[in-house]
């Protein structure tokens, strides 16, 4: 069953008097429970594609449908609410709030979704245990290593039980050994049924996926 589908996606940016085509008619469908890696060099459009699939940006033309909902047609408030409950994001540079503890960072999306404090604290403990950081829950982000911060970011992405996890270069800031820990965590997530779409230029990460999509110059080439 298809979970997310981007069809004939085009994205044009206007820079001064020039038009830059970041995507040139990309169609990509991902089945529920699939693990897809989008591989390609810097500037090929893979991060732009991920942003469109996640509703962070809107296409110049084309459509994005997630779980039967055309997210490219939603208004700002409805789209924000839909993302909060249906999509988890993992970024290269973690995007944790440095003044908050690991647990507080994980609780943020649950607080935004209106979950009761006791429930979100319990869920944060559960998720930090899941990613192996139960003992570090009270540490601030600035007291964590890069690999630990990325695991907190993954726990945060899972907070509202989304149907889809999107990750943009999740091992890009990590050394090889730490990156291998994140690969193992993604493998575990997918084995347990999480749908993953991961943008990378890391062949090791791509090799973990059940399907590799290759991009070049704003197009899918393989």
N, C-alpha and C. Protein backbone atom coordinates (compact mmCIF):
# COMPACT_ATOMS: atom_id res chain seq x y z
N UNK A 1 0.84 -1.20 0.00
CA UNK A 1 0.00 0.00 0.00
C UNK A 1 0.88 1.25 0.00
N UNK A 2 0.59 2.17 -0.90
CA UNK A 2 1.36 3.42 -0.97
C UNK A 2 1.07 4.31 0.23
N UNK A 3 2.14 4.77 0.89
CA UNK A 3 1.97 5.71 2.00
C UNK A 3 2.11 7.14 1.52
N UNK A 4 3.16 7.41 0.73
CA UNK A 4 3.38 8.77 0.25
C UNK A 4 3.72 8.74 -1.23
N UNK A 5 3.20 9.73 -1.95
CA UNK A 5 3.44 9.81 -3.39
C UNK A 5 3.65 11.27 -3.78
N UNK A 6 4.80 11.53 -4.38
CA UNK A 6 5.04 12.82 -5.02
C UNK A 6 4.98 12.61 -6.52
N UNK A 7 4.16 13.40 -7.20
CA UNK A 7 3.95 13.17 -8.63
C UNK A 7 4.27 14.42 -9.45
N UNK A 8 5.15 14.22 -10.44
CA UNK A 8 5.55 15.28 -11.37
C UNK A 8 5.94 16.56 -10.63
N UNK A 9 6.78 16.39 -9.62
CA UNK A 9 7.16 17.53 -8.78
C UNK A 9 8.21 18.39 -9.47
N UNK A 10 7.88 19.66 -9.54
CA UNK A 10 8.83 20.66 -10.05
C UNK A 10 8.97 21.74 -8.99
N UNK A 11 10.22 22.21 -8.83
CA UNK A 11 10.47 23.31 -7.91
C UNK A 11 11.44 24.27 -8.55
N UNK A 12 10.98 25.50 -8.73
CA UNK A 12 11.80 26.55 -9.34
C UNK A 12 12.01 27.66 -8.33
N UNK A 13 13.26 28.01 -8.12
CA UNK A 13 13.60 29.13 -7.24
C UNK A 13 14.00 30.32 -8.12
N UNK A 14 13.57 31.50 -7.71
CA UNK A 14 13.92 32.72 -8.43
C UNK A 14 15.01 33.45 -7.66
N UNK A 15 16.19 33.51 -8.25
CA UNK A 15 17.33 34.18 -7.65
C UNK A 15 17.71 35.37 -8.51
N UNK A 16 17.39 36.56 -7.98
CA UNK A 16 17.57 37.80 -8.74
C UNK A 16 16.82 37.67 -10.06
N UNK A 17 17.50 37.68 -11.18
CA UNK A 17 16.82 37.59 -12.47
C UNK A 17 16.90 36.19 -13.08
N UNK A 18 17.36 35.24 -12.29
CA UNK A 18 17.53 33.88 -12.82
C UNK A 18 16.51 32.94 -12.21
N UNK A 19 16.14 31.92 -12.97
CA UNK A 19 15.33 30.83 -12.47
C UNK A 19 16.22 29.60 -12.32
N UNK A 20 16.15 28.99 -11.13
CA UNK A 20 16.93 27.78 -10.87
C UNK A 20 15.95 26.63 -10.65
N UNK A 21 16.04 25.62 -11.50
CA UNK A 21 15.14 24.47 -11.40
C UNK A 21 15.79 23.43 -10.49
N UNK A 22 15.29 23.33 -9.25
CA UNK A 22 15.83 22.35 -8.29
C UNK A 22 15.28 20.96 -8.55
N UNK A 23 14.01 20.88 -8.97
CA UNK A 23 13.40 19.61 -9.35
C UNK A 23 12.75 19.77 -10.71
N UNK A 24 12.86 18.73 -11.55
CA UNK A 24 12.41 18.82 -12.93
C UNK A 24 11.45 17.67 -13.27
N UNK A 25 10.33 17.60 -12.56
CA UNK A 25 9.34 16.59 -12.86
C UNK A 25 9.63 15.25 -12.21
N UNK A 26 9.77 15.24 -10.90
CA UNK A 26 10.12 14.02 -10.16
C UNK A 26 8.85 13.33 -9.66
N UNK A 27 8.78 12.04 -9.89
CA UNK A 27 7.70 11.20 -9.36
C UNK A 27 8.31 10.12 -8.49
N UNK A 28 7.84 10.04 -7.25
CA UNK A 28 8.35 9.05 -6.31
C UNK A 28 7.20 8.56 -5.42
N UNK A 29 7.03 7.25 -5.34
CA UNK A 29 6.05 6.67 -4.41
C UNK A 29 6.79 5.76 -3.43
N UNK A 30 6.31 5.77 -2.19
CA UNK A 30 6.92 4.96 -1.13
C UNK A 30 5.82 4.16 -0.46
N UNK A 31 6.02 2.86 -0.36
CA UNK A 31 5.03 1.98 0.26
C UNK A 31 5.13 2.05 1.78
N UNK A 32 4.03 1.79 2.44
CA UNK A 32 4.03 1.72 3.90
C UNK A 32 5.01 0.63 4.36
N UNK A 33 5.88 0.99 5.30
CA UNK A 33 6.86 0.05 5.82
C UNK A 33 8.14 -0.03 5.01
N UNK A 34 8.24 0.73 3.93
CA UNK A 34 9.44 0.68 3.09
C UNK A 34 10.55 1.56 3.68
N UNK A 35 11.78 1.28 3.29
CA UNK A 35 12.96 2.06 3.69
C UNK A 35 13.64 2.47 2.38
N UNK A 36 13.53 3.75 2.06
CA UNK A 36 14.05 4.27 0.80
C UNK A 36 15.19 5.24 1.07
N UNK A 37 16.29 5.07 0.37
CA UNK A 37 17.40 6.02 0.42
C UNK A 37 17.44 6.79 -0.89
N UNK A 38 17.53 8.11 -0.80
CA UNK A 38 17.67 8.97 -1.97
C UNK A 38 19.12 9.41 -2.01
N UNK A 39 19.82 8.98 -3.03
CA UNK A 39 21.27 9.14 -3.12
C UNK A 39 21.62 10.06 -4.27
N UNK A 40 22.62 10.90 -4.05
CA UNK A 40 23.06 11.78 -5.13
C UNK A 40 24.02 12.82 -4.62
N UNK A 41 24.72 13.50 -5.53
CA UNK A 41 25.70 14.52 -5.12
C UNK A 41 25.01 15.77 -4.59
N UNK A 42 25.77 16.62 -3.93
CA UNK A 42 25.24 17.89 -3.43
C UNK A 42 24.68 18.69 -4.60
N UNK A 43 23.52 19.31 -4.37
CA UNK A 43 22.91 20.16 -5.39
C UNK A 43 22.06 19.42 -6.40
N UNK A 44 21.84 18.11 -6.21
CA UNK A 44 21.08 17.35 -7.20
C UNK A 44 19.57 17.46 -7.00
N UNK A 45 19.13 18.03 -5.87
CA UNK A 45 17.71 18.21 -5.62
C UNK A 45 17.13 17.27 -4.59
N UNK A 46 17.96 16.42 -3.99
CA UNK A 46 17.42 15.40 -3.08
C UNK A 46 16.85 16.03 -1.80
N UNK A 47 17.49 17.05 -1.25
CA UNK A 47 16.95 17.69 -0.04
C UNK A 47 15.68 18.47 -0.37
N UNK A 48 15.64 19.08 -1.54
CA UNK A 48 14.42 19.77 -1.98
C UNK A 48 13.27 18.79 -2.09
N UNK A 49 13.53 17.62 -2.65
CA UNK A 49 12.50 16.59 -2.75
C UNK A 49 11.99 16.20 -1.37
N UNK A 50 12.90 16.00 -0.42
CA UNK A 50 12.50 15.62 0.94
C UNK A 50 11.63 16.71 1.57
N UNK A 51 11.99 17.97 1.36
CA UNK A 51 11.21 19.07 1.92
C UNK A 51 9.80 19.11 1.34
N UNK A 52 9.66 18.81 0.05
CA UNK A 52 8.33 18.78 -0.56
C UNK A 52 7.52 17.60 -0.03
N UNK A 53 8.16 16.44 0.11
CA UNK A 53 7.46 15.27 0.63
C UNK A 53 6.99 15.49 2.06
N UNK A 54 7.76 16.29 2.81
CA UNK A 54 7.42 16.54 4.20
C UNK A 54 6.56 17.77 4.43
N UNK A 55 6.20 18.47 3.37
CA UNK A 55 5.38 19.65 3.52
C UNK A 55 6.09 20.83 4.13
N UNK A 56 7.43 20.80 4.15
CA UNK A 56 8.20 21.96 4.62
C UNK A 56 8.19 23.05 3.57
N UNK A 57 8.14 22.65 2.32
CA UNK A 57 8.08 23.58 1.19
C UNK A 57 6.97 23.09 0.26
N UNK A 58 6.54 23.95 -0.65
CA UNK A 58 5.48 23.59 -1.59
C UNK A 58 6.06 23.53 -3.01
N UNK A 59 5.56 22.62 -3.82
CA UNK A 59 6.08 22.51 -5.18
C UNK A 59 5.59 23.64 -6.07
N UNK A 60 6.38 24.00 -7.06
CA UNK A 60 5.94 24.93 -8.09
C UNK A 60 4.81 24.31 -8.88
N UNK A 61 4.92 23.02 -9.14
CA UNK A 61 3.82 22.25 -9.74
C UNK A 61 3.98 20.80 -9.33
N UNK A 62 2.91 20.03 -9.52
CA UNK A 62 2.90 18.65 -9.09
C UNK A 62 2.13 18.50 -7.80
N UNK A 63 2.09 17.28 -7.26
CA UNK A 63 1.29 17.01 -6.07
C UNK A 63 2.03 16.10 -5.11
N UNK A 64 1.66 16.22 -3.82
CA UNK A 64 2.19 15.35 -2.77
C UNK A 64 1.01 14.82 -1.96
N UNK A 65 0.89 13.51 -1.89
CA UNK A 65 -0.19 12.88 -1.15
C UNK A 65 0.39 11.95 -0.10
N UNK A 66 0.00 12.14 1.15
CA UNK A 66 0.44 11.30 2.24
C UNK A 66 -0.76 10.68 2.93
N UNK A 67 -0.81 9.36 2.92
CA UNK A 67 -1.90 8.63 3.57
C UNK A 67 -3.27 9.13 3.12
N UNK A 68 -3.38 9.41 1.81
CA UNK A 68 -4.66 9.82 1.24
C UNK A 68 -4.96 11.30 1.32
N UNK A 69 -4.04 12.11 1.86
CA UNK A 69 -4.27 13.55 2.01
C UNK A 69 -3.33 14.31 1.08
N UNK A 70 -3.87 15.21 0.26
CA UNK A 70 -3.07 16.08 -0.61
C UNK A 70 -2.48 17.20 0.23
N UNK A 71 -1.27 17.01 0.73
CA UNK A 71 -0.71 17.99 1.66
C UNK A 71 -0.27 19.27 0.96
N UNK A 72 -0.04 19.20 -0.35
CA UNK A 72 0.38 20.42 -1.06
C UNK A 72 -0.76 21.42 -1.21
N UNK A 73 -1.99 21.01 -0.92
CA UNK A 73 -3.14 21.92 -1.03
C UNK A 73 -3.61 22.43 0.32
N UNK A 74 -2.99 21.99 1.41
CA UNK A 74 -3.42 22.40 2.74
C UNK A 74 -2.97 23.83 3.06
N UNK A 75 -3.77 24.55 3.83
CA UNK A 75 -3.37 25.85 4.33
C UNK A 75 -2.29 25.70 5.40
N UNK A 76 -1.68 26.82 5.78
CA UNK A 76 -0.54 26.78 6.70
C UNK A 76 -0.88 26.10 8.02
N UNK A 77 -2.00 26.47 8.63
CA UNK A 77 -2.34 25.90 9.94
C UNK A 77 -2.64 24.42 9.84
N UNK A 78 -3.42 24.02 8.83
CA UNK A 78 -3.76 22.61 8.66
C UNK A 78 -2.51 21.78 8.33
N UNK A 79 -1.61 22.36 7.54
CA UNK A 79 -0.39 21.64 7.18
C UNK A 79 0.52 21.46 8.40
N UNK A 80 0.64 22.50 9.21
CA UNK A 80 1.44 22.40 10.43
C UNK A 80 0.92 21.31 11.34
N UNK A 81 -0.39 21.26 11.52
CA UNK A 81 -1.02 20.24 12.35
C UNK A 81 -0.82 18.85 11.76
N UNK A 82 -0.94 18.74 10.45
CA UNK A 82 -0.78 17.44 9.79
C UNK A 82 0.66 16.94 9.95
N UNK A 83 1.62 17.83 9.70
CA UNK A 83 3.03 17.43 9.87
C UNK A 83 3.30 16.97 11.29
N UNK A 84 2.80 17.72 12.26
CA UNK A 84 3.06 17.42 13.67
C UNK A 84 2.63 16.00 14.03
N UNK A 85 1.54 15.54 13.46
CA UNK A 85 0.96 14.25 13.86
C UNK A 85 1.33 13.10 12.93
N UNK A 86 1.86 13.41 11.74
CA UNK A 86 2.05 12.35 10.75
C UNK A 86 3.47 12.18 10.23
N UNK A 87 4.34 13.18 10.45
CA UNK A 87 5.68 13.12 9.89
C UNK A 87 6.70 13.45 10.97
N UNK A 88 7.73 12.62 11.07
CA UNK A 88 8.86 12.90 11.94
C UNK A 88 10.07 13.28 11.12
N UNK A 89 10.78 14.33 11.55
CA UNK A 89 11.94 14.82 10.80
C UNK A 89 13.23 14.61 11.59
N UNK A 90 14.27 14.18 10.88
CA UNK A 90 15.61 14.06 11.46
C UNK A 90 16.55 14.83 10.54
N UNK A 91 17.32 15.78 11.12
CA UNK A 91 18.16 16.66 10.32
C UNK A 91 19.64 16.38 10.57
N UNK A 92 20.46 16.83 9.64
CA UNK A 92 21.90 16.63 9.73
C UNK A 92 22.48 17.28 10.98
N UNK A 93 22.00 18.48 11.30
CA UNK A 93 22.57 19.23 12.43
C UNK A 93 21.67 19.18 13.66
N UNK A 94 20.83 18.18 13.75
CA UNK A 94 20.09 17.80 14.94
C UNK A 94 18.93 18.74 15.29
N UNK A 95 19.15 20.06 15.27
CA UNK A 95 18.11 21.05 15.57
C UNK A 95 17.50 20.86 16.96
N UNK A 96 18.33 20.50 17.92
CA UNK A 96 17.87 20.45 19.31
C UNK A 96 17.98 21.83 19.93
N UNK A 97 17.15 22.11 20.94
CA UNK A 97 17.25 23.37 21.67
C UNK A 97 18.29 23.19 22.77
N UNK A 98 19.39 23.96 22.74
CA UNK A 98 20.51 23.70 23.64
C UNK A 98 20.20 23.93 25.11
N UNK A 99 19.22 24.77 25.42
CA UNK A 99 18.93 25.07 26.83
C UNK A 99 18.04 24.00 27.47
N UNK A 100 17.51 23.08 26.66
CA UNK A 100 16.62 22.04 27.17
C UNK A 100 17.37 20.72 27.36
N UNK A 101 16.86 19.91 28.25
CA UNK A 101 17.42 18.57 28.44
C UNK A 101 17.00 17.68 27.28
N UNK A 102 17.62 16.50 27.22
CA UNK A 102 17.25 15.52 26.19
C UNK A 102 15.76 15.21 26.28
N UNK A 103 15.28 14.96 27.48
CA UNK A 103 13.86 14.62 27.66
C UNK A 103 12.96 15.78 27.24
N UNK A 104 13.34 16.99 27.59
CA UNK A 104 12.52 18.16 27.24
C UNK A 104 12.48 18.37 25.73
N UNK A 105 13.59 18.10 25.05
CA UNK A 105 13.59 18.19 23.59
C UNK A 105 12.64 17.16 22.98
N UNK A 106 12.62 15.96 23.53
CA UNK A 106 11.73 14.92 23.01
C UNK A 106 10.27 15.27 23.28
N UNK A 107 10.02 15.93 24.40
CA UNK A 107 8.65 16.29 24.78
C UNK A 107 8.06 17.40 23.90
N UNK A 108 8.89 18.21 23.26
CA UNK A 108 8.40 19.39 22.56
C UNK A 108 7.26 19.10 21.58
N UNK A 109 7.42 18.17 20.62
CA UNK A 109 6.32 17.94 19.68
C UNK A 109 5.07 17.41 20.35
N UNK A 110 5.22 16.69 21.45
CA UNK A 110 4.05 16.20 22.17
C UNK A 110 3.32 17.35 22.86
N UNK A 111 4.09 18.30 23.40
CA UNK A 111 3.47 19.48 24.00
C UNK A 111 2.72 20.28 22.95
N UNK A 112 3.31 20.42 21.76
CA UNK A 112 2.65 21.16 20.68
C UNK A 112 1.38 20.45 20.24
N UNK A 113 1.35 19.12 20.37
CA UNK A 113 0.16 18.35 19.99
C UNK A 113 -0.89 18.32 21.10
N UNK A 114 -0.58 18.93 22.24
CA UNK A 114 -1.56 19.01 23.32
C UNK A 114 -1.60 17.82 24.25
N UNK A 115 -0.56 16.99 24.26
CA UNK A 115 -0.53 15.84 25.14
C UNK A 115 -0.35 16.28 26.59
N UNK A 116 -0.98 15.61 27.50
CA UNK A 116 -0.89 15.95 28.92
C UNK A 116 0.55 15.76 29.41
N UNK A 117 1.01 16.63 30.35
CA UNK A 117 2.40 16.57 30.81
C UNK A 117 2.85 15.19 31.30
N UNK A 118 2.04 14.52 32.09
CA UNK A 118 2.45 13.21 32.61
C UNK A 118 2.62 12.20 31.49
N UNK A 119 1.76 12.26 30.50
CA UNK A 119 1.83 11.32 29.38
C UNK A 119 3.06 11.59 28.52
N UNK A 120 3.35 12.86 28.29
CA UNK A 120 4.51 13.14 27.43
C UNK A 120 5.83 12.85 28.16
N UNK A 121 5.85 13.01 29.49
CA UNK A 121 7.07 12.65 30.22
C UNK A 121 7.30 11.15 30.15
N UNK A 122 6.23 10.38 30.29
CA UNK A 122 6.36 8.93 30.20
C UNK A 122 6.79 8.50 28.79
N UNK A 123 6.21 9.13 27.79
CA UNK A 123 6.57 8.80 26.40
C UNK A 123 8.03 9.18 26.11
N UNK A 124 8.49 10.32 26.62
CA UNK A 124 9.88 10.73 26.43
C UNK A 124 10.83 9.72 27.07
N UNK A 125 10.51 9.24 28.27
CA UNK A 125 11.35 8.23 28.92
C UNK A 125 11.40 6.96 28.09
N UNK A 126 10.23 6.55 27.59
CA UNK A 126 10.15 5.35 26.76
C UNK A 126 11.02 5.47 25.51
N UNK A 127 10.96 6.62 24.86
CA UNK A 127 11.72 6.81 23.62
C UNK A 127 13.21 6.93 23.87
N UNK A 128 13.60 7.61 24.93
CA UNK A 128 15.03 7.72 25.23
C UNK A 128 15.60 6.37 25.62
N UNK A 129 14.83 5.55 26.31
CA UNK A 129 15.27 4.18 26.57
C UNK A 129 15.42 3.42 25.26
N UNK A 130 14.48 3.63 24.34
CA UNK A 130 14.49 2.94 23.05
C UNK A 130 15.77 3.24 22.27
N UNK A 131 16.22 4.50 22.31
CA UNK A 131 17.43 4.87 21.55
C UNK A 131 18.70 4.74 22.39
N UNK A 132 18.56 4.17 23.60
CA UNK A 132 19.74 3.90 24.42
C UNK A 132 20.25 5.07 25.23
N UNK A 133 19.39 6.05 25.51
CA UNK A 133 19.84 7.25 26.22
C UNK A 133 19.03 7.52 27.49
N UNK A 134 18.44 6.48 28.05
CA UNK A 134 17.66 6.68 29.26
C UNK A 134 18.44 7.32 30.38
N UNK A 135 19.72 6.98 30.48
CA UNK A 135 20.56 7.53 31.56
C UNK A 135 21.00 8.97 31.29
N UNK A 136 20.75 9.46 30.09
CA UNK A 136 21.20 10.82 29.73
C UNK A 136 20.02 11.78 29.59
N UNK A 137 18.86 11.39 30.06
CA UNK A 137 17.64 12.17 29.80
C UNK A 137 17.68 13.57 30.36
N UNK A 138 18.40 13.79 31.46
CA UNK A 138 18.44 15.11 32.08
C UNK A 138 19.59 15.98 31.59
N UNK A 139 20.43 15.43 30.74
CA UNK A 139 21.55 16.21 30.20
C UNK A 139 21.05 17.17 29.12
N UNK A 140 21.59 18.37 29.14
CA UNK A 140 21.27 19.32 28.07
C UNK A 140 21.92 18.88 26.77
N UNK A 141 21.39 19.40 25.68
CA UNK A 141 21.92 19.02 24.37
C UNK A 141 23.41 19.35 24.26
N UNK A 142 23.84 20.45 24.88
CA UNK A 142 25.25 20.86 24.81
C UNK A 142 26.16 19.91 25.58
N UNK A 143 25.59 19.04 26.39
CA UNK A 143 26.39 18.07 27.16
C UNK A 143 26.44 16.70 26.50
N UNK A 144 25.87 16.60 25.32
CA UNK A 144 25.80 15.32 24.61
C UNK A 144 26.77 15.29 23.45
N UNK A 145 27.21 14.11 23.08
CA UNK A 145 28.04 13.94 21.88
C UNK A 145 27.17 14.07 20.64
N UNK A 146 27.81 14.14 19.48
CA UNK A 146 27.06 14.24 18.23
C UNK A 146 26.13 13.06 18.02
N UNK A 147 26.64 11.86 18.28
CA UNK A 147 25.80 10.68 18.12
C UNK A 147 24.64 10.65 19.08
N UNK A 148 24.88 11.11 20.32
CA UNK A 148 23.80 11.17 21.30
C UNK A 148 22.75 12.20 20.89
N UNK A 149 23.21 13.34 20.38
CA UNK A 149 22.25 14.35 19.93
C UNK A 149 21.39 13.82 18.79
N UNK A 150 21.99 13.06 17.88
CA UNK A 150 21.21 12.53 16.77
C UNK A 150 20.21 11.49 17.27
N UNK A 151 20.58 10.71 18.27
CA UNK A 151 19.63 9.75 18.82
C UNK A 151 18.48 10.45 19.54
N UNK A 152 18.77 11.56 20.22
CA UNK A 152 17.70 12.35 20.81
C UNK A 152 16.78 12.89 19.71
N UNK A 153 17.39 13.35 18.61
CA UNK A 153 16.59 13.87 17.49
C UNK A 153 15.69 12.79 16.89
N UNK A 154 16.19 11.55 16.84
CA UNK A 154 15.37 10.45 16.34
C UNK A 154 14.23 10.16 17.31
N UNK A 155 14.53 10.17 18.61
CA UNK A 155 13.48 9.98 19.61
C UNK A 155 12.41 11.05 19.48
N UNK A 156 12.84 12.29 19.28
CA UNK A 156 11.89 13.40 19.11
C UNK A 156 11.03 13.18 17.87
N UNK A 157 11.65 12.71 16.78
CA UNK A 157 10.91 12.47 15.54
C UNK A 157 9.82 11.42 15.73
N UNK A 158 10.03 10.50 16.66
CA UNK A 158 9.08 9.41 16.90
C UNK A 158 7.99 9.78 17.92
N UNK A 159 8.09 10.98 18.50
CA UNK A 159 7.28 11.32 19.68
C UNK A 159 5.79 11.14 19.47
N UNK A 160 5.26 11.62 18.36
CA UNK A 160 3.81 11.57 18.11
C UNK A 160 3.38 10.39 17.26
N UNK A 161 4.23 9.37 17.24
CA UNK A 161 3.95 8.13 16.48
C UNK A 161 3.59 8.42 15.03
N UNK A 162 4.49 9.10 14.29
CA UNK A 162 4.18 9.44 12.90
C UNK A 162 4.18 8.22 12.00
N UNK A 163 3.48 8.33 10.89
CA UNK A 163 3.46 7.24 9.91
C UNK A 163 4.71 7.24 9.03
N UNK A 164 5.46 8.36 9.05
CA UNK A 164 6.61 8.51 8.15
C UNK A 164 7.73 9.25 8.85
N UNK A 165 8.97 8.74 8.71
CA UNK A 165 10.16 9.45 9.17
C UNK A 165 10.95 9.89 7.94
N UNK A 166 11.28 11.18 7.87
CA UNK A 166 12.12 11.74 6.82
C UNK A 166 13.43 12.20 7.45
N UNK A 167 14.54 11.77 6.89
CA UNK A 167 15.85 12.11 7.45
C UNK A 167 16.73 12.71 6.36
N UNK A 168 17.32 13.86 6.66
CA UNK A 168 18.17 14.58 5.70
C UNK A 168 19.61 14.52 6.16
N UNK A 169 20.42 13.70 5.50
CA UNK A 169 21.84 13.52 5.81
C UNK A 169 22.05 13.25 7.31
N UNK A 170 21.39 12.24 7.87
CA UNK A 170 21.44 12.05 9.32
C UNK A 170 22.80 11.63 9.87
N UNK A 171 23.71 11.16 9.00
CA UNK A 171 25.05 10.79 9.45
C UNK A 171 26.10 11.79 8.99
N UNK A 172 25.66 12.89 8.38
CA UNK A 172 26.60 13.82 7.76
C UNK A 172 27.54 14.51 8.73
N UNK A 173 27.14 14.67 10.00
CA UNK A 173 27.97 15.36 10.99
C UNK A 173 28.67 14.37 11.93
N UNK A 174 28.61 13.07 11.62
CA UNK A 174 29.08 12.06 12.56
C UNK A 174 30.29 11.32 12.00
N UNK A 175 31.15 10.84 12.90
CA UNK A 175 32.27 10.00 12.47
C UNK A 175 31.74 8.61 12.10
N UNK A 176 32.61 7.81 11.53
CA UNK A 176 32.17 6.53 10.97
C UNK A 176 31.56 5.62 12.03
N UNK A 177 32.20 5.53 13.20
CA UNK A 177 31.70 4.62 14.24
C UNK A 177 30.35 5.08 14.76
N UNK A 178 30.21 6.39 14.99
CA UNK A 178 28.94 6.92 15.49
C UNK A 178 27.86 6.81 14.42
N UNK A 179 28.24 7.06 13.18
CA UNK A 179 27.30 6.92 12.08
C UNK A 179 26.77 5.50 11.99
N UNK A 180 27.62 4.52 12.26
CA UNK A 180 27.19 3.12 12.22
C UNK A 180 26.12 2.85 13.27
N UNK A 181 26.19 3.53 14.43
CA UNK A 181 25.16 3.37 15.46
C UNK A 181 23.80 3.87 14.95
N UNK A 182 23.83 4.99 14.23
CA UNK A 182 22.59 5.55 13.70
C UNK A 182 22.03 4.63 12.61
N UNK A 183 22.90 4.06 11.79
CA UNK A 183 22.44 3.11 10.77
C UNK A 183 21.74 1.92 11.42
N UNK A 184 22.31 1.43 12.51
CA UNK A 184 21.72 0.28 13.20
C UNK A 184 20.36 0.65 13.78
N UNK A 185 20.23 1.89 14.27
CA UNK A 185 18.96 2.33 14.83
C UNK A 185 17.90 2.45 13.74
N UNK A 186 18.27 3.00 12.59
CA UNK A 186 17.33 3.07 11.48
C UNK A 186 16.89 1.67 11.02
N UNK A 187 17.85 0.76 10.99
CA UNK A 187 17.53 -0.62 10.59
C UNK A 187 16.51 -1.22 11.56
N UNK A 188 16.71 -0.97 12.84
CA UNK A 188 15.78 -1.47 13.86
C UNK A 188 14.40 -0.84 13.69
N UNK A 189 14.37 0.47 13.48
CA UNK A 189 13.08 1.16 13.29
C UNK A 189 12.31 0.57 12.13
N UNK A 190 13.00 0.35 11.01
CA UNK A 190 12.32 -0.17 9.84
C UNK A 190 11.86 -1.60 10.05
N UNK A 191 12.68 -2.41 10.70
CA UNK A 191 12.30 -3.79 11.00
C UNK A 191 11.02 -3.83 11.83
N UNK A 192 10.84 -2.82 12.68
CA UNK A 192 9.66 -2.77 13.54
C UNK A 192 8.48 -2.06 12.87
N UNK A 193 8.64 -1.70 11.59
CA UNK A 193 7.50 -1.22 10.82
C UNK A 193 7.48 0.24 10.46
N UNK A 194 8.49 1.01 10.87
CA UNK A 194 8.52 2.43 10.55
C UNK A 194 8.90 2.65 9.09
N UNK A 195 8.17 3.52 8.40
CA UNK A 195 8.50 3.90 7.02
C UNK A 195 9.55 5.00 7.05
N UNK A 196 10.64 4.79 6.32
CA UNK A 196 11.76 5.73 6.33
C UNK A 196 12.09 6.19 4.91
N UNK A 197 12.31 7.49 4.76
CA UNK A 197 12.90 8.04 3.54
C UNK A 197 14.09 8.88 3.98
N UNK A 198 15.27 8.49 3.51
CA UNK A 198 16.52 9.08 3.97
C UNK A 198 17.28 9.65 2.79
N UNK A 199 17.64 10.92 2.88
CA UNK A 199 18.49 11.58 1.88
C UNK A 199 19.94 11.46 2.34
N UNK A 200 20.82 11.06 1.43
CA UNK A 200 22.21 10.87 1.82
C UNK A 200 23.13 10.90 0.61
N UNK A 201 24.41 11.15 0.87
CA UNK A 201 25.43 10.85 -0.14
C UNK A 201 26.37 9.78 0.40
N UNK A 202 25.95 9.14 1.50
CA UNK A 202 26.73 8.11 2.19
C UNK A 202 26.32 6.74 1.66
N UNK A 203 27.22 6.09 0.95
CA UNK A 203 26.92 4.78 0.37
C UNK A 203 26.60 3.74 1.44
N UNK A 204 27.20 3.87 2.63
CA UNK A 204 26.93 2.90 3.71
C UNK A 204 25.47 2.99 4.14
N UNK A 205 24.97 4.21 4.28
CA UNK A 205 23.58 4.39 4.69
C UNK A 205 22.64 3.88 3.60
N UNK A 206 22.96 4.24 2.35
CA UNK A 206 22.11 3.80 1.24
C UNK A 206 22.04 2.28 1.16
N UNK A 207 23.13 1.60 1.49
CA UNK A 207 23.16 0.15 1.40
C UNK A 207 22.22 -0.51 2.40
N UNK A 208 21.85 0.22 3.46
CA UNK A 208 20.94 -0.32 4.47
C UNK A 208 19.49 -0.32 3.99
N UNK A 209 19.17 0.52 3.02
CA UNK A 209 17.78 0.69 2.59
C UNK A 209 17.30 -0.48 1.76
N UNK A 210 15.99 -0.65 1.71
CA UNK A 210 15.41 -1.69 0.87
C UNK A 210 15.34 -1.26 -0.59
N UNK A 211 15.42 0.08 -0.82
CA UNK A 211 15.41 0.60 -2.19
C UNK A 211 16.24 1.87 -2.24
N UNK A 212 17.04 2.01 -3.29
CA UNK A 212 17.87 3.20 -3.48
C UNK A 212 17.37 3.93 -4.72
N UNK A 213 17.11 5.23 -4.54
CA UNK A 213 16.71 6.11 -5.64
C UNK A 213 17.86 7.08 -5.88
N UNK A 214 18.33 7.13 -7.11
CA UNK A 214 19.47 8.00 -7.42
C UNK A 214 18.99 9.24 -8.17
N UNK A 215 19.53 10.40 -7.76
CA UNK A 215 19.15 11.66 -8.38
C UNK A 215 20.36 12.37 -8.97
N UNK A 216 20.10 13.13 -10.01
CA UNK A 216 21.12 13.95 -10.66
C UNK A 216 20.42 15.10 -11.37
N UNK A 217 20.89 16.32 -11.12
CA UNK A 217 20.37 17.50 -11.81
C UNK A 217 18.86 17.62 -11.74
N UNK A 218 18.30 17.38 -10.56
CA UNK A 218 16.88 17.60 -10.35
C UNK A 218 15.97 16.52 -10.88
N UNK A 219 16.55 15.39 -11.26
CA UNK A 219 15.75 14.27 -11.79
C UNK A 219 16.14 12.98 -11.13
N UNK A 220 15.21 12.04 -11.10
CA UNK A 220 15.53 10.66 -10.71
C UNK A 220 16.11 9.95 -11.93
N UNK A 221 17.29 9.39 -11.76
CA UNK A 221 17.96 8.75 -12.90
C UNK A 221 18.04 7.23 -12.74
N UNK A 222 17.73 6.73 -11.56
CA UNK A 222 17.76 5.26 -11.37
C UNK A 222 17.01 4.90 -10.09
